[in-house]
Amino acid sequence: MKTINNNTEFEQIIAGEKPVVLDFYAEWCGPCQALLPILEAASTHYGEDVVIVKINVDSNPELAAKFKVRSIPAVFLMKNGVVVDQFNGVQSSAEVHKRIDDLIAANIEKPAAVTTA
């Protein structure tokens, strides 16, 4: 499970072809620490099929603001740069796996690039 340290790393990951799971967390957050092993196990389970990353809200407030994170843990599931699903708080391993399976199966087209003349 990779840690995102800045906006550049974030942009590189969401620009990729793989579905992405973003975990907004903080070191001091008890529920975040409870969810972490579930997401780490999911990262191992899905391997190269899905990119699961964590983003520390204290170190990356601009990314937390971009996603309007109000409480943590906040998890966003993205495909082709589009948020497909999201949840707050600790979820069971079975629920996390179901959401990731749904993410993989989602038929989301990559948005067309915006051009200006």
N, C-alpha and C. Protein backbone atom coordinates (compact mmCIF):
# COMPACT_ATOMS: atom_id res chain seq x y z
N MET A 1 0.85 -1.17 0.00
CA MET A 1 0.00 0.00 0.00
C MET A 1 0.90 1.23 0.00
N LYS A 2 0.71 2.06 -0.99
CA LYS A 2 1.56 3.24 -1.19
C LYS A 2 0.99 4.44 -0.42
N THR A 3 1.88 5.33 0.00
CA THR A 3 1.47 6.58 0.62
C THR A 3 1.66 7.71 -0.38
N ILE A 4 0.62 8.52 -0.55
CA ILE A 4 0.70 9.70 -1.42
C ILE A 4 1.26 10.85 -0.59
N ASN A 5 2.31 11.48 -1.07
CA ASN A 5 2.95 12.56 -0.33
C ASN A 5 2.71 13.94 -0.91
N ASN A 6 2.18 14.02 -2.13
CA ASN A 6 1.94 15.34 -2.73
C ASN A 6 0.96 15.21 -3.90
N ASN A 7 0.55 16.35 -4.41
CA ASN A 7 -0.44 16.39 -5.49
C ASN A 7 0.09 15.75 -6.77
N THR A 8 1.39 15.87 -7.03
CA THR A 8 1.98 15.28 -8.24
C THR A 8 1.83 13.77 -8.22
N GLU A 9 2.15 13.14 -7.10
CA GLU A 9 1.99 11.69 -6.97
C GLU A 9 0.52 11.30 -7.15
N PHE A 10 -0.37 12.08 -6.57
CA PHE A 10 -1.80 11.81 -6.70
C PHE A 10 -2.22 11.85 -8.16
N GLU A 11 -1.83 12.89 -8.88
CA GLU A 11 -2.21 13.03 -10.29
C GLU A 11 -1.67 11.88 -11.14
N GLN A 12 -0.45 11.43 -10.84
CA GLN A 12 0.13 10.31 -11.58
C GLN A 12 -0.66 9.02 -11.36
N ILE A 13 -1.10 8.80 -10.14
CA ILE A 13 -1.83 7.56 -9.83
C ILE A 13 -3.21 7.57 -10.46
N ILE A 14 -3.94 8.67 -10.36
CA ILE A 14 -5.30 8.66 -10.92
C ILE A 14 -5.28 8.73 -12.45
N ALA A 15 -4.17 9.14 -13.03
CA ALA A 15 -4.06 9.18 -14.50
C ALA A 15 -3.81 7.79 -15.08
N GLY A 16 -3.47 6.84 -14.22
CA GLY A 16 -3.18 5.48 -14.69
C GLY A 16 -4.43 4.75 -15.13
N GLU A 17 -4.23 3.55 -15.65
CA GLU A 17 -5.32 2.74 -16.18
C GLU A 17 -6.05 1.93 -15.11
N LYS A 18 -5.44 1.75 -13.94
CA LYS A 18 -6.01 0.88 -12.92
C LYS A 18 -7.01 1.63 -12.03
N PRO A 19 -8.00 0.90 -11.50
CA PRO A 19 -8.88 1.50 -10.49
C PRO A 19 -8.04 1.89 -9.26
N VAL A 20 -8.49 2.93 -8.56
CA VAL A 20 -7.73 3.47 -7.43
C VAL A 20 -8.64 3.57 -6.20
N VAL A 21 -8.10 3.18 -5.05
CA VAL A 21 -8.77 3.36 -3.77
C VAL A 21 -7.93 4.34 -2.96
N LEU A 22 -8.55 5.48 -2.58
CA LEU A 22 -7.87 6.50 -1.80
C LEU A 22 -8.35 6.44 -0.36
N ASP A 23 -7.44 6.28 0.58
CA ASP A 23 -7.77 6.25 2.00
C ASP A 23 -7.23 7.51 2.65
N PHE A 24 -8.11 8.45 3.00
CA PHE A 24 -7.71 9.66 3.72
C PHE A 24 -7.71 9.32 5.20
N TYR A 25 -6.57 9.53 5.86
CA TYR A 25 -6.41 9.11 7.26
C TYR A 25 -5.53 10.11 8.00
N ALA A 26 -5.38 9.87 9.32
CA ALA A 26 -4.41 10.59 10.15
C ALA A 26 -3.82 9.60 11.14
N GLU A 27 -2.58 9.84 11.51
CA GLU A 27 -1.91 8.94 12.46
C GLU A 27 -2.62 8.88 13.80
N TRP A 28 -3.23 9.99 14.23
CA TRP A 28 -3.86 10.09 15.54
C TRP A 28 -5.29 9.54 15.55
N CYS A 29 -5.80 9.11 14.42
CA CYS A 29 -7.20 8.68 14.27
C CYS A 29 -7.34 7.19 14.55
N GLY A 30 -8.02 6.83 15.64
CA GLY A 30 -8.22 5.44 16.01
C GLY A 30 -8.94 4.62 14.94
N PRO A 31 -10.10 5.10 14.44
CA PRO A 31 -10.79 4.34 13.39
C PRO A 31 -9.93 4.17 12.13
N CYS A 32 -9.11 5.17 11.82
CA CYS A 32 -8.21 5.06 10.65
C CYS A 32 -7.23 3.91 10.85
N GLN A 33 -6.71 3.80 12.06
CA GLN A 33 -5.75 2.74 12.35
C GLN A 33 -6.43 1.37 12.33
N ALA A 34 -7.74 1.33 12.68
CA ALA A 34 -8.49 0.07 12.62
C ALA A 34 -8.76 -0.35 11.18
N LEU A 35 -8.98 0.62 10.28
CA LEU A 35 -9.24 0.31 8.87
C LEU A 35 -7.98 -0.06 8.12
N LEU A 36 -6.84 0.46 8.53
CA LEU A 36 -5.58 0.27 7.81
C LEU A 36 -5.24 -1.19 7.52
N PRO A 37 -5.30 -2.11 8.49
CA PRO A 37 -4.97 -3.50 8.16
C PRO A 37 -5.94 -4.14 7.17
N ILE A 38 -7.19 -3.69 7.18
CA ILE A 38 -8.17 -4.21 6.22
C ILE A 38 -7.79 -3.77 4.81
N LEU A 39 -7.40 -2.51 4.66
CA LEU A 39 -7.00 -2.01 3.34
C LEU A 39 -5.66 -2.59 2.90
N GLU A 40 -4.74 -2.80 3.85
CA GLU A 40 -3.47 -3.43 3.50
C GLU A 40 -3.68 -4.87 3.02
N ALA A 41 -4.59 -5.59 3.67
CA ALA A 41 -4.90 -6.96 3.24
C ALA A 41 -5.56 -6.95 1.85
N ALA A 42 -6.43 -5.96 1.62
CA ALA A 42 -7.07 -5.83 0.30
C ALA A 42 -6.02 -5.53 -0.76
N SER A 43 -5.06 -4.69 -0.42
CA SER A 43 -3.99 -4.35 -1.36
C SER A 43 -3.22 -5.60 -1.76
N THR A 44 -2.94 -6.45 -0.82
CA THR A 44 -2.25 -7.71 -1.09
C THR A 44 -3.14 -8.64 -1.92
N HIS A 45 -4.41 -8.72 -1.55
CA HIS A 45 -5.36 -9.60 -2.23
C HIS A 45 -5.54 -9.21 -3.71
N TYR A 46 -5.72 -7.92 -3.98
CA TYR A 46 -5.99 -7.48 -5.36
C TYR A 46 -4.71 -7.26 -6.16
N GLY A 47 -3.58 -7.19 -5.50
CA GLY A 47 -2.29 -7.10 -6.19
C GLY A 47 -2.23 -5.98 -7.21
N GLU A 48 -1.95 -6.36 -8.45
CA GLU A 48 -1.76 -5.39 -9.53
C GLU A 48 -3.08 -4.92 -10.17
N ASP A 49 -4.21 -5.48 -9.74
CA ASP A 49 -5.49 -5.12 -10.35
C ASP A 49 -6.01 -3.76 -9.90
N VAL A 50 -5.66 -3.36 -8.68
CA VAL A 50 -6.16 -2.12 -8.09
C VAL A 50 -5.01 -1.43 -7.36
N VAL A 51 -4.97 -0.10 -7.42
CA VAL A 51 -3.99 0.67 -6.67
C VAL A 51 -4.68 1.19 -5.42
N ILE A 52 -4.19 0.77 -4.25
CA ILE A 52 -4.75 1.24 -2.98
C ILE A 52 -3.69 2.11 -2.32
N VAL A 53 -4.06 3.37 -2.04
CA VAL A 53 -3.11 4.31 -1.47
C VAL A 53 -3.71 5.01 -0.26
N LYS A 54 -2.82 5.49 0.60
CA LYS A 54 -3.28 6.26 1.75
C LYS A 54 -2.74 7.68 1.65
N ILE A 55 -3.56 8.62 2.13
CA ILE A 55 -3.22 10.04 2.07
C ILE A 55 -3.43 10.62 3.46
N ASN A 56 -2.35 11.09 4.07
CA ASN A 56 -2.42 11.70 5.40
C ASN A 56 -3.02 13.10 5.26
N VAL A 57 -4.17 13.33 5.93
CA VAL A 57 -4.85 14.62 5.80
C VAL A 57 -4.05 15.76 6.43
N ASP A 58 -3.23 15.45 7.42
CA ASP A 58 -2.41 16.49 8.06
C ASP A 58 -1.26 16.93 7.16
N SER A 59 -0.73 16.00 6.37
CA SER A 59 0.37 16.31 5.46
C SER A 59 -0.10 16.81 4.10
N ASN A 60 -1.35 16.50 3.75
CA ASN A 60 -1.89 16.85 2.42
C ASN A 60 -3.26 17.51 2.54
N PRO A 61 -3.33 18.66 3.22
CA PRO A 61 -4.64 19.30 3.40
C PRO A 61 -5.30 19.72 2.09
N GLU A 62 -4.50 20.02 1.06
CA GLU A 62 -5.08 20.44 -0.22
C GLU A 62 -5.83 19.29 -0.89
N LEU A 63 -5.31 18.07 -0.78
CA LEU A 63 -6.02 16.91 -1.34
C LEU A 63 -7.28 16.60 -0.54
N ALA A 64 -7.19 16.72 0.79
CA ALA A 64 -8.37 16.50 1.62
C ALA A 64 -9.45 17.52 1.27
N ALA A 65 -9.06 18.76 1.04
CA ALA A 65 -10.02 19.81 0.67
C ALA A 65 -10.61 19.53 -0.70
N LYS A 66 -9.79 19.07 -1.63
CA LYS A 66 -10.26 18.77 -2.98
C LYS A 66 -11.39 17.74 -2.97
N PHE A 67 -11.29 16.77 -2.06
CA PHE A 67 -12.31 15.73 -1.94
C PHE A 67 -13.36 16.05 -0.88
N LYS A 68 -13.27 17.25 -0.31
CA LYS A 68 -14.23 17.70 0.72
C LYS A 68 -14.31 16.72 1.89
N VAL A 69 -13.15 16.25 2.32
CA VAL A 69 -13.09 15.32 3.45
C VAL A 69 -13.43 16.08 4.73
N ARG A 70 -14.48 15.64 5.42
CA ARG A 70 -14.92 16.28 6.66
C ARG A 70 -14.66 15.40 7.87
N SER A 71 -14.66 14.07 7.67
CA SER A 71 -14.36 13.15 8.74
C SER A 71 -13.51 12.01 8.17
N ILE A 72 -12.73 11.40 9.04
CA ILE A 72 -11.84 10.33 8.61
C ILE A 72 -12.06 9.09 9.47
N PRO A 73 -11.77 7.91 8.95
CA PRO A 73 -11.26 7.67 7.61
C PRO A 73 -12.33 7.95 6.54
N ALA A 74 -11.86 8.48 5.43
CA ALA A 74 -12.71 8.71 4.26
C ALA A 74 -12.06 7.98 3.09
N VAL A 75 -12.82 7.10 2.45
CA VAL A 75 -12.28 6.28 1.37
C VAL A 75 -13.06 6.57 0.09
N PHE A 76 -12.31 6.85 -0.97
CA PHE A 76 -12.88 7.14 -2.29
C PHE A 76 -12.39 6.09 -3.26
N LEU A 77 -13.32 5.50 -4.02
CA LEU A 77 -12.98 4.49 -5.01
C LEU A 77 -13.16 5.12 -6.38
N MET A 78 -12.08 5.15 -7.18
CA MET A 78 -12.07 5.86 -8.46
C MET A 78 -11.71 4.93 -9.61
N LYS A 79 -12.30 5.24 -10.75
CA LYS A 79 -11.95 4.53 -11.98
C LYS A 79 -11.95 5.56 -13.10
N ASN A 80 -10.87 5.58 -13.88
CA ASN A 80 -10.71 6.54 -14.97
C ASN A 80 -10.90 7.98 -14.50
N GLY A 81 -10.41 8.26 -13.30
CA GLY A 81 -10.46 9.63 -12.78
C GLY A 81 -11.80 10.06 -12.22
N VAL A 82 -12.77 9.13 -12.13
CA VAL A 82 -14.12 9.43 -11.65
C VAL A 82 -14.36 8.70 -10.34
N VAL A 83 -14.90 9.41 -9.33
CA VAL A 83 -15.26 8.76 -8.07
C VAL A 83 -16.50 7.91 -8.32
N VAL A 84 -16.37 6.60 -8.10
CA VAL A 84 -17.44 5.64 -8.34
C VAL A 84 -18.20 5.36 -7.04
N ASP A 85 -17.48 5.38 -5.91
CA ASP A 85 -18.06 5.04 -4.62
C ASP A 85 -17.22 5.72 -3.54
N GLN A 86 -17.79 5.86 -2.36
CA GLN A 86 -17.04 6.39 -1.23
C GLN A 86 -17.70 5.95 0.06
N PHE A 87 -16.90 5.92 1.13
CA PHE A 87 -17.47 5.63 2.45
C PHE A 87 -16.60 6.28 3.52
N ASN A 88 -17.23 6.50 4.67
CA ASN A 88 -16.53 7.04 5.83
C ASN A 88 -16.60 6.01 6.95
N GLY A 89 -15.57 5.98 7.77
CA GLY A 89 -15.57 5.09 8.92
C GLY A 89 -15.05 3.71 8.58
N VAL A 90 -14.95 2.91 9.62
CA VAL A 90 -14.43 1.54 9.47
C VAL A 90 -15.49 0.66 8.84
N GLN A 91 -15.09 -0.15 7.88
CA GLN A 91 -15.96 -1.13 7.22
C GLN A 91 -15.33 -2.51 7.41
N SER A 92 -16.15 -3.53 7.33
CA SER A 92 -15.63 -4.89 7.45
C SER A 92 -14.81 -5.24 6.21
N SER A 93 -13.99 -6.24 6.35
CA SER A 93 -13.19 -6.70 5.21
C SER A 93 -14.10 -7.13 4.07
N ALA A 94 -15.20 -7.83 4.38
CA ALA A 94 -16.13 -8.28 3.35
C ALA A 94 -16.74 -7.09 2.61
N GLU A 95 -17.10 -6.05 3.33
CA GLU A 95 -17.69 -4.86 2.70
C GLU A 95 -16.66 -4.15 1.82
N VAL A 96 -15.44 -4.03 2.29
CA VAL A 96 -14.38 -3.39 1.49
C VAL A 96 -14.16 -4.19 0.21
N HIS A 97 -14.08 -5.50 0.32
CA HIS A 97 -13.88 -6.35 -0.87
C HIS A 97 -15.04 -6.21 -1.85
N LYS A 98 -16.28 -6.15 -1.34
CA LYS A 98 -17.44 -5.99 -2.20
C LYS A 98 -17.36 -4.67 -2.96
N ARG A 99 -17.00 -3.61 -2.27
CA ARG A 99 -16.90 -2.30 -2.91
C ARG A 99 -15.79 -2.28 -3.97
N ILE A 100 -14.67 -2.93 -3.68
CA ILE A 100 -13.58 -2.98 -4.67
C ILE A 100 -13.98 -3.85 -5.85
N ASP A 101 -14.66 -4.95 -5.61
CA ASP A 101 -15.15 -5.79 -6.71
C ASP A 101 -16.10 -4.98 -7.61
N ASP A 102 -17.00 -4.20 -6.98
CA ASP A 102 -17.92 -3.35 -7.75
C ASP A 102 -17.14 -2.30 -8.54
N LEU A 103 -16.09 -1.76 -7.94
CA LEU A 103 -15.25 -0.77 -8.62
C LEU A 103 -14.61 -1.37 -9.87
N ILE A 104 -14.05 -2.56 -9.72
CA ILE A 104 -13.39 -3.22 -10.85
C ILE A 104 -14.39 -3.48 -11.97
N ALA A 105 -15.62 -3.87 -11.60
CA ALA A 105 -16.65 -4.20 -12.58
C ALA A 105 -17.30 -2.97 -13.21
N ALA A 106 -17.14 -1.80 -12.59
CA ALA A 106 -17.82 -0.59 -13.07
C ALA A 106 -17.35 -0.23 -14.48
N ASN A 107 -18.31 0.14 -15.31
CA ASN A 107 -18.00 0.54 -16.68
C ASN A 107 -18.02 2.06 -16.73
N ILE A 108 -16.90 2.65 -16.43
CA ILE A 108 -16.77 4.11 -16.38
C ILE A 108 -15.82 4.56 -17.49
N GLU A 109 -16.34 5.38 -18.37
CA GLU A 109 -15.51 5.92 -19.46
C GLU A 109 -14.63 7.04 -18.92
N LYS A 110 -13.44 7.13 -19.46
CA LYS A 110 -12.54 8.21 -19.09
C LYS A 110 -13.12 9.51 -19.65
N PRO A 111 -13.23 10.56 -18.81
CA PRO A 111 -13.78 11.82 -19.31
C PRO A 111 -12.93 12.37 -20.44
N ALA A 112 -13.58 13.00 -21.40
CA ALA A 112 -12.85 13.60 -22.52
C ALA A 112 -12.03 14.77 -22.00
N ALA A 113 -10.87 14.94 -22.59
CA ALA A 113 -10.00 16.06 -22.21
C ALA A 113 -10.67 17.36 -22.61
N VAL A 114 -10.57 18.33 -21.74
CA VAL A 114 -11.14 19.65 -22.04
C VAL A 114 -10.08 20.47 -22.77
N THR A 115 -10.48 21.01 -23.90
CA THR A 115 -9.55 21.85 -24.65
C THR A 115 -10.15 23.24 -24.80
N THR A 116 -9.29 24.22 -24.84
CA THR A 116 -9.74 25.59 -25.05
C THR A 116 -9.05 26.14 -26.29
N ALA A 117 -9.78 26.95 -27.01
CA ALA A 117 -9.22 27.50 -28.24
C ALA A 117 -8.55 28.82 -27.99
